[in-house]
Amino acid sequence: PPSAVVEADPDLVILAPCGLTLDMTRREATALARTEWWRSLRAVREGRVVLVDGDAMFNRPGPRLVDALEWLFSAVHGV
């Protein structure tokens, strides 16, 4: 629920929904941007929201998981 996300107030948000293309994820992110709870998040206010094609990067087992882990490390550590 959004209340758990608001309570956690993350420094970084990575949106990687299963079953959505990157374009679909962008549309969902636009809908989220209209909500007050989303705009209140520190990560959103500081521009630390990343959209990812979850199916291509994280949601399916395979060799891409290594690439995804390397990408995730750089996203978290700002490399």
Protein backbone atom coordinates (compact mmCIF):
# COMPACT_ATOMS: atom_id res chain seq x y z
CA PRO A 1 0.00 0.00 0.00
CA PRO A 2 1.15 3.57 -0.58
CA SER A 3 1.22 4.16 3.17
CA ALA A 4 4.13 1.72 3.57
CA VAL A 5 6.07 3.49 0.80
CA VAL A 6 5.36 6.91 2.30
CA GLU A 7 6.45 5.67 5.71
CA ALA A 8 9.70 4.29 4.27
CA ASP A 9 10.30 7.55 2.34
CA PRO A 10 12.99 5.98 0.12
CA ASP A 11 16.06 7.78 -1.19
CA LEU A 12 15.70 6.02 -4.55
CA VAL A 13 12.70 4.47 -6.32
CA ILE A 14 13.14 2.00 -9.15
CA LEU A 15 9.94 1.24 -11.03
CA ALA A 16 10.27 -2.13 -12.76
CA PRO A 17 6.77 -3.60 -12.97
CA CYS A 18 6.32 -7.10 -14.27
CA GLY A 19 4.47 -7.38 -17.55
CA LEU A 20 4.72 -3.71 -18.56
CA THR A 21 6.86 -2.31 -21.33
CA LEU A 22 8.95 0.75 -20.64
CA ASP A 23 6.34 2.92 -22.42
CA MET A 24 3.58 1.45 -20.26
CA THR A 25 5.70 2.06 -17.16
CA ARG A 26 6.11 5.70 -18.21
CA ARG A 27 2.34 6.06 -18.45
CA GLU A 28 1.90 4.54 -15.01
CA ALA A 29 4.59 6.86 -13.63
CA THR A 30 2.69 9.82 -15.07
CA ALA A 31 -0.43 8.65 -13.24
CA LEU A 32 1.58 8.28 -10.02
CA ALA A 33 2.90 11.82 -10.45
CA ARG A 34 -0.65 13.10 -10.06
CA THR A 35 -0.95 11.66 -6.56
CA GLU A 36 -0.03 13.64 -3.50
CA TRP A 37 1.55 10.70 -1.67
CA TRP A 38 3.92 10.05 -4.60
CA ARG A 39 5.00 13.69 -4.82
CA SER A 40 5.71 13.68 -1.08
CA LEU A 41 8.44 11.02 -1.40
CA ARG A 42 12.01 12.23 -0.93
CA ALA A 43 13.19 10.25 -3.98
CA VAL A 44 10.58 11.92 -6.16
CA ARG A 45 11.30 15.42 -4.83
CA GLU A 46 15.03 14.90 -5.43
CA GLY A 47 14.60 13.39 -8.91
CA ARG A 48 15.81 9.93 -7.92
CA VAL A 49 13.19 7.83 -9.68
CA VAL A 50 14.30 5.37 -12.34
CA LEU A 51 12.03 3.56 -14.78
CA VAL A 52 13.15 0.15 -15.98
CA ASP A 53 11.73 -2.47 -18.31
CA GLY A 54 11.26 -5.01 -15.55
CA ASP A 55 10.76 -7.96 -17.88
CA ALA A 56 13.97 -7.21 -19.76
CA MET A 57 16.08 -6.57 -16.66
CA PHE A 58 14.80 -8.15 -13.45
CA ASN A 59 11.68 -10.24 -13.71
CA ARG A 60 12.94 -13.16 -15.76
CA PRO A 61 15.82 -15.46 -14.89
CA GLY A 62 18.75 -15.58 -17.25
CA PRO A 63 22.08 -14.00 -18.12
CA ARG A 64 20.57 -10.49 -18.14
CA LEU A 65 20.33 -10.67 -14.37
CA VAL A 66 24.08 -10.04 -14.16
CA ASP A 67 23.69 -6.94 -16.34
CA ALA A 68 20.74 -5.89 -14.19
CA LEU A 69 22.77 -6.27 -11.01
CA GLU A 70 25.59 -4.16 -12.46
CA TRP A 71 23.06 -1.53 -13.55
CA LEU A 72 21.40 -1.59 -10.13
CA PHE A 73 24.74 -1.10 -8.40
CA SER A 74 25.48 1.95 -10.52
CA ALA A 75 21.97 3.36 -9.98
CA VAL A 76 22.21 2.99 -6.21
CA HIS A 77 25.76 4.25 -5.93
CA GLY A 78 25.52 6.98 -8.57
CA VAL A 79 28.35 5.53 -10.61
